[in-house]
Amino acid sequence: MARCEICNKSNLKGHKISITRSQVSRRAKKVFKSNIKKIRVVINGTAKKISVCTSCMRTNKIKRAV
């Protein structure tokens, strides 16, 4: 299972609820997958490939390698 190495975000488990919400028996198990990419990052002056979620990429928590 992929996991963000910055914020430890991974897949979430929940229920897929049908259109008629009153029927409890019509709930199926569902996995909500996080949007994780493998990118090159500068860590301690060296370029390294790590798994990072896109929300960490947008907030500039990492410095990308060129």
PDB file of N, CA and C in Angstrom:
ATOM      1  N   MET A   1       0.845  -1.171   0.000  1.00  0.00           N
ATOM      2  CA  MET A   1       0.000   0.000   0.000  1.00  0.00           C
ATOM      3  C   MET A   1       0.890   1.233   0.000  1.00  0.00           C
ATOM      4  N   ALA A   2       0.584   2.160  -0.885  1.00  0.00           N
ATOM      5  CA  ALA A   2       1.368   3.379  -0.981  1.00  0.00           C
ATOM      6  C   ALA A   2       1.039   4.315   0.175  1.00  0.00           C
ATOM      7  N   ARG A   3       2.054   5.039   0.631  1.00  0.00           N
ATOM      8  CA  ARG A   3       1.893   5.961   1.746  1.00  0.00           C
ATOM      9  C   ARG A   3       2.788   7.160   1.490  1.00  0.00           C
ATOM     10  N   CYS A   4       2.275   8.364   1.793  1.00  0.00           N
ATOM     11  CA  CYS A   4       3.066   9.571   1.649  1.00  0.00           C
ATOM     12  C   CYS A   4       4.142   9.580   2.732  1.00  0.00           C
ATOM     13  N   GLU A   5       5.384   9.816   2.320  1.00  0.00           N
ATOM     14  CA  GLU A   5       6.491   9.784   3.277  1.00  0.00           C
ATOM     15  C   GLU A   5       6.632  11.092   4.042  1.00  0.00           C
ATOM     16  N   ILE A   6       5.856  12.121   3.681  1.00  0.00           N
ATOM     17  CA  ILE A   6       5.889  13.399   4.388  1.00  0.00           C
ATOM     18  C   ILE A   6       4.822  13.438   5.484  1.00  0.00           C
ATOM     19  N   CYS A   7       3.562  13.154   5.128  1.00  0.00           N
ATOM     20  CA  CYS A   7       2.465  13.274   6.098  1.00  0.00           C
ATOM     21  C   CYS A   7       1.830  11.938   6.463  1.00  0.00           C
ATOM     22  N   ASN A   8       2.346  10.813   5.954  1.00  0.00           N
ATOM     23  CA  ASN A   8       1.850   9.455   6.238  1.00  0.00           C
ATOM     24  C   ASN A   8       0.403   9.241   5.815  1.00  0.00           C
ATOM     25  N   LYS A   9      -0.052   9.947   4.791  1.00  0.00           N
ATOM     26  CA  LYS A   9      -1.407   9.735   4.278  1.00  0.00           C
ATOM     27  C   LYS A   9      -1.430   8.439   3.478  1.00  0.00           C
ATOM     28  N   SER A  10      -2.499   7.654   3.658  1.00  0.00           N
ATOM     29  CA  SER A  10      -2.648   6.415   2.907  1.00  0.00           C
ATOM     30  C   SER A  10      -4.127   6.216   2.572  1.00  0.00           C
ATOM     31  N   ASN A  11      -4.495   5.010   2.162  1.00  0.00           N
ATOM     32  CA  ASN A  11      -5.870   4.728   1.780  1.00  0.00           C
ATOM     33  C   ASN A  11      -6.801   4.790   2.980  1.00  0.00           C
ATOM     34  N   LEU A  12      -8.051   5.210   2.736  1.00  0.00           N
ATOM     35  CA  LEU A  12      -9.084   5.252   3.762  1.00  0.00           C
ATOM     36  C   LEU A  12     -10.158   4.235   3.424  1.00  0.00           C
ATOM     37  N   LYS A  13     -10.774   3.646   4.454  1.00  0.00           N
ATOM     38  CA  LYS A  13     -11.856   2.690   4.259  1.00  0.00           C
ATOM     39  C   LYS A  13     -13.163   3.331   4.679  1.00  0.00           C
ATOM     40  N   GLY A  14     -14.227   2.994   3.963  1.00  0.00           N
ATOM     41  CA  GLY A  14     -15.533   3.541   4.282  1.00  0.00           C
ATOM     42  C   GLY A  14     -16.619   2.733   3.609  1.00  0.00           C
ATOM     43  N   HIS A  15     -17.788   3.345   3.451  1.00  0.00           N
ATOM     44  CA  HIS A  15     -18.920   2.681   2.835  1.00  0.00           C
ATOM     45  C   HIS A  15     -19.389   3.464   1.613  1.00  0.00           C
ATOM     46  N   LYS A  16     -19.736   2.729   0.573  1.00  0.00           N
ATOM     47  CA  LYS A  16     -20.370   3.307  -0.597  1.00  0.00           C
ATOM     48  C   LYS A  16     -21.869   3.225  -0.357  1.00  0.00           C
ATOM     49  N   ILE A  17     -22.509   4.377  -0.226  1.00  0.00           N
ATOM     50  CA  ILE A  17     -23.920   4.424   0.134  1.00  0.00           C
ATOM     51  C   ILE A  17     -24.749   4.571  -1.129  1.00  0.00           C
ATOM     52  N   SER A  18     -25.832   3.795  -1.229  1.00  0.00           N
ATOM     53  CA  SER A  18     -26.686   3.830  -2.406  1.00  0.00           C
ATOM     54  C   SER A  18     -27.489   5.132  -2.450  1.00  0.00           C
ATOM     55  N   ILE A  19     -28.221   5.317  -3.520  1.00  0.00           N
ATOM     56  CA  ILE A  19     -28.992   6.548  -3.710  1.00  0.00           C
ATOM     57  C   ILE A  19     -30.079   6.670  -2.647  1.00  0.00           C
ATOM     58  N   THR A  20     -30.759   5.561  -2.343  1.00  0.00           N
ATOM     59  CA  THR A  20     -31.766   5.580  -1.288  1.00  0.00           C
ATOM     60  C   THR A  20     -31.047   5.340   0.040  1.00  0.00           C
ATOM     61  N   ARG A  21     -30.755   6.405   0.762  1.00  0.00           N
ATOM     62  CA  ARG A  21     -29.924   6.324   1.953  1.00  0.00           C
ATOM     63  C   ARG A  21     -30.615   5.640   3.134  1.00  0.00           C
ATOM     64  N   SER A  22     -31.922   5.441   3.072  1.00  0.00           N
ATOM     65  CA  SER A  22     -32.629   4.867   4.212  1.00  0.00           C
ATOM     66  C   SER A  22     -32.345   3.378   4.368  1.00  0.00           C
ATOM     67  N   GLN A  23     -31.895   2.730   3.333  1.00  0.00           N
ATOM     68  CA  GLN A  23     -31.654   1.292   3.403  1.00  0.00           C
ATOM     69  C   GLN A  23     -30.220   1.039   3.851  1.00  0.00           C
ATOM     70  N   VAL A  24     -30.080   0.627   5.087  1.00  0.00           N
ATOM     71  CA  VAL A  24     -28.754   0.419   5.655  1.00  0.00           C
ATOM     72  C   VAL A  24     -28.083  -0.797   5.038  1.00  0.00           C
ATOM     73  N   SER A  25     -28.863  -1.775   4.619  1.00  0.00           N
ATOM     74  CA  SER A  25     -28.288  -3.004   4.093  1.00  0.00           C
ATOM     75  C   SER A  25     -27.647  -2.807   2.723  1.00  0.00           C
ATOM     76  N   ARG A  26     -27.886  -1.671   2.067  1.00  0.00           N
ATOM     77  CA  ARG A  26     -27.340  -1.433   0.733  1.00  0.00           C
ATOM     78  C   ARG A  26     -26.023  -0.669   0.787  1.00  0.00           C
ATOM     79  N   ARG A  27     -25.246  -0.872   1.811  1.00  0.00           N
ATOM     80  CA  ARG A  27     -23.964  -0.183   1.910  1.00  0.00           C
ATOM     81  C   ARG A  27     -22.838  -1.167   1.613  1.00  0.00           C
ATOM     82  N   ALA A  28     -22.037  -0.842   0.624  1.00  0.00           N
ATOM     83  CA  ALA A  28     -20.931  -1.707   0.233  1.00  0.00           C
ATOM     84  C   ALA A  28     -19.622  -1.114   0.750  1.00  0.00           C
ATOM     85  N   LYS A  29     -18.669  -1.975   1.043  1.00  0.00           N
ATOM     86  CA  LYS A  29     -17.360  -1.505   1.494  1.00  0.00           C
ATOM     87  C   LYS A  29     -16.617  -0.875   0.332  1.00  0.00           C
ATOM     88  N   LYS A  30     -15.886   0.204   0.620  1.00  0.00           N
ATOM     89  CA  LYS A  30     -15.168   0.944  -0.422  1.00  0.00           C
ATOM     90  C   LYS A  30     -13.835   1.411   0.121  1.00  0.00           C
ATOM     91  N   VAL A  31     -12.834   1.479  -0.755  1.00  0.00           N
ATOM     92  CA  VAL A  31     -11.516   1.998  -0.395  1.00  0.00           C
ATOM     93  C   VAL A  31     -11.326   3.317  -1.129  1.00  0.00           C
ATOM     94  N   PHE A  32     -11.089   4.394  -0.375  1.00  0.00           N
ATOM     95  CA  PHE A  32     -10.816   5.703  -0.954  1.00  0.00           C
ATOM     96  C   PHE A  32      -9.298   5.825  -1.097  1.00  0.00           C
ATOM     97  N   LYS A  33      -8.818   5.821  -2.335  1.00  0.00           N
ATOM     98  CA  LYS A  33      -7.375   5.833  -2.578  1.00  0.00           C
ATOM     99  C   LYS A  33      -6.838   7.252  -2.593  1.00  0.00           C
ATOM    100  N   SER A  34      -5.711   7.454  -1.948  1.00  0.00           N
ATOM    101  CA  SER A  34      -5.086   8.778  -1.924  1.00  0.00           C
ATOM    102  C   SER A  34      -4.260   8.975  -3.196  1.00  0.00           C
ATOM    103  N   ASN A  35      -4.099  10.230  -3.601  1.00  0.00           N
ATOM    104  CA  ASN A  35      -3.399  10.578  -4.836  1.00  0.00           C
ATOM    105  C   ASN A  35      -1.909  10.732  -4.525  1.00  0.00           C
ATOM    106  N   ILE A  36      -1.158   9.651  -4.693  1.00  0.00           N
ATOM    107  CA  ILE A  36       0.259   9.618  -4.336  1.00  0.00           C
ATOM    108  C   ILE A  36       1.095   9.422  -5.588  1.00  0.00           C
ATOM    109  N   LYS A  37       2.122  10.253  -5.733  1.00  0.00           N
ATOM    110  CA  LYS A  37       3.027  10.202  -6.881  1.00  0.00           C
ATOM    111  C   LYS A  37       4.446   9.924  -6.392  1.00  0.00           C
ATOM    112  N   LYS A  38       5.249   9.318  -7.262  1.00  0.00           N
ATOM    113  CA  LYS A  38       6.659   9.090  -6.962  1.00  0.00           C
ATOM    114  C   LYS A  38       7.462  10.164  -7.673  1.00  0.00           C
ATOM    115  N   ILE A  39       8.130  11.032  -6.906  1.00  0.00           N
ATOM    116  CA  ILE A  39       8.859  12.151  -7.499  1.00  0.00           C
ATOM    117  C   ILE A  39      10.270  12.194  -6.940  1.00  0.00           C
ATOM    118  N   ARG A  40      11.140  12.944  -7.667  1.00  0.00           N
ATOM    119  CA  ARG A  40      12.518  13.129  -7.213  1.00  0.00           C
ATOM    120  C   ARG A  40      12.579  14.351  -6.313  1.00  0.00           C
ATOM    121  N   VAL A  41      13.191  14.183  -5.147  1.00  0.00           N
ATOM    122  CA  VAL A  41      13.248  15.226  -4.126  1.00  0.00           C
ATOM    123  C   VAL A  41      14.688  15.373  -3.664  1.00  0.00           C
ATOM    124  N   VAL A  42      15.081  16.599  -3.311  1.00  0.00           N
ATOM    125  CA  VAL A  42      16.413  16.846  -2.758  1.00  0.00           C
ATOM    126  C   VAL A  42      16.346  16.664  -1.242  1.00  0.00           C
ATOM    127  N   ILE A  43      17.097  15.688  -0.728  1.00  0.00           N
ATOM    128  CA  ILE A  43      17.179  15.426   0.705  1.00  0.00           C
ATOM    129  C   ILE A  43      18.653  15.407   1.091  1.00  0.00           C
ATOM    130  N   ASN A  44      19.050  16.320   1.976  1.00  0.00           N
ATOM    131  CA  ASN A  44      20.441  16.447   2.429  1.00  0.00           C
ATOM    132  C   ASN A  44      21.411  16.626   1.264  1.00  0.00           C
ATOM    133  N   GLY A  45      21.005  17.362   0.240  1.00  0.00           N
ATOM    134  CA  GLY A  45      21.876  17.658  -0.885  1.00  0.00           C
ATOM    135  C   GLY A  45      21.919  16.594  -1.963  1.00  0.00           C
ATOM    136  N   THR A  46      21.221  15.473  -1.795  1.00  0.00           N
ATOM    137  CA  THR A  46      21.205  14.418  -2.804  1.00  0.00           C
ATOM    138  C   THR A  46      19.785  14.212  -3.312  1.00  0.00           C
ATOM    139  N   ALA A  47      19.674  13.858  -4.590  1.00  0.00           N
ATOM    140  CA  ALA A  47      18.371  13.595  -5.192  1.00  0.00           C
ATOM    141  C   ALA A  47      17.943  12.172  -4.853  1.00  0.00           C
ATOM    142  N   LYS A  48      16.668  12.023  -4.477  1.00  0.00           N
ATOM    143  CA  LYS A  48      16.147  10.727  -4.066  1.00  0.00           C
ATOM    144  C   LYS A  48      14.700  10.630  -4.517  1.00  0.00           C
ATOM    145  N   LYS A  49      14.222   9.432  -4.885  1.00  0.00           N
ATOM    146  CA  LYS A  49      12.832   9.231  -5.272  1.00  0.00           C
ATOM    147  C   LYS A  49      12.029   8.801  -4.052  1.00  0.00           C
ATOM    148  N   ILE A  50      10.956   9.544  -3.756  1.00  0.00           N
ATOM    149  CA  ILE A  50      10.084   9.179  -2.644  1.00  0.00           C
ATOM    150  C   ILE A  50       8.631   9.306  -3.087  1.00  0.00           C
ATOM    151  N   SER A  51       7.732   8.695  -2.332  1.00  0.00           N
ATOM    152  CA  SER A  51       6.300   8.777  -2.582  1.00  0.00           C
ATOM    153  C   SER A  51       5.725   9.948  -1.806  1.00  0.00           C
ATOM    154  N   VAL A  52       5.050  10.871  -2.522  1.00  0.00           N
ATOM    155  CA  VAL A  52       4.510  12.081  -1.910  1.00  0.00           C
ATOM    156  C   VAL A  52       3.090  12.279  -2.424  1.00  0.00           C
ATOM    157  N   CYS A  53       2.175  12.679  -1.538  1.00  0.00           N
ATOM    158  CA  CYS A  53       0.810  12.970  -1.965  1.00  0.00           C
ATOM    159  C   CYS A  53       0.777  14.349  -2.635  1.00  0.00           C
ATOM    160  N   THR A  54      -0.233  14.566  -3.450  1.00  0.00           N
ATOM    161  CA  THR A  54      -0.299  15.808  -4.217  1.00  0.00           C
ATOM    162  C   THR A  54      -0.590  17.013  -3.333  1.00  0.00           C
ATOM    163  N   SER A  55      -1.236  16.821  -2.189  1.00  0.00           N
ATOM    164  CA  SER A  55      -1.472  17.961  -1.297  1.00  0.00           C
ATOM    165  C   SER A  55      -0.167  18.447  -0.679  1.00  0.00           C
ATOM    166  N   CYS A  56       0.783  17.562  -0.407  1.00  0.00           N
ATOM    167  CA  CYS A  56       2.099  17.979   0.085  1.00  0.00           C
ATOM    168  C   CYS A  56       2.900  18.662  -1.025  1.00  0.00           C
ATOM    169  N   MET A  57       2.707  18.232  -2.269  1.00  0.00           N
ATOM    170  CA  MET A  57       3.394  18.870  -3.390  1.00  0.00           C
ATOM    171  C   MET A  57       2.891  20.290  -3.589  1.00  0.00           C
ATOM    172  N   ARG A  58       1.586  20.516  -3.436  1.00  0.00           N
ATOM    173  CA  ARG A  58       1.008  21.837  -3.639  1.00  0.00           C
ATOM    174  C   ARG A  58       1.415  22.822  -2.547  1.00  0.00           C
ATOM    175  N   THR A  59       1.589  22.355  -1.305  1.00  0.00           N
ATOM    176  CA  THR A  59       1.895  23.244  -0.200  1.00  0.00           C
ATOM    177  C   THR A  59       3.390  23.485  -0.052  1.00  0.00           C
ATOM    178  N   ASN A  60       4.211  22.980  -0.986  1.00  0.00           N
ATOM    179  CA  ASN A  60       5.666  23.177  -0.989  1.00  0.00           C
ATOM    180  C   ASN A  60       6.338  22.686   0.288  1.00  0.00           C
ATOM    181  N   LYS A  61       5.942  21.525   0.770  1.00  0.00           N
ATOM    182  CA  LYS A  61       6.591  20.930   1.944  1.00  0.00           C
ATOM    183  C   LYS A  61       7.899  20.243   1.555  1.00  0.00           C
ATOM    184  N   ILE A  62       8.154  20.130   0.247  1.00  0.00           N
ATOM    185  CA  ILE A  62       9.353  19.455  -0.246  1.00  0.00           C
ATOM    186  C   ILE A  62      10.031  20.327  -1.279  1.00  0.00           C
ATOM    187  N   LYS A  63      11.296  20.027  -1.561  1.00  0.00           N
ATOM    188  CA  LYS A  63      12.025  20.711  -2.628  1.00  0.00           C
ATOM    189  C   LYS A  63      12.330  19.699  -3.715  1.00  0.00           C
ATOM    190  N   ARG A  64      11.770  19.944  -4.894  1.00  0.00           N
ATOM    191  CA  ARG A  64      11.920  19.005  -5.991  1.00  0.00           C
ATOM    192  C   ARG A  64      13.295  19.101  -6.623  1.00  0.00           C
ATOM    193  N   ALA A  65      13.797  17.974  -7.103  1.00  0.00           N
ATOM    194  CA  ALA A  65      15.081  17.928  -7.797  1.00  0.00           C
ATOM    195  C   ALA A  65      14.861  18.292  -9.267  1.00  0.00           C
ATOM    196  N   VAL A  66      15.841  18.918  -9.862  1.00  0.00           N
ATOM    197  CA  VAL A  66      15.753  19.321 -11.270  1.00  0.00           C
ATOM    198  C   VAL A  66      16.388  18.286 -12.152  1.00  0.00           C
TER     199      VAL A  66
END
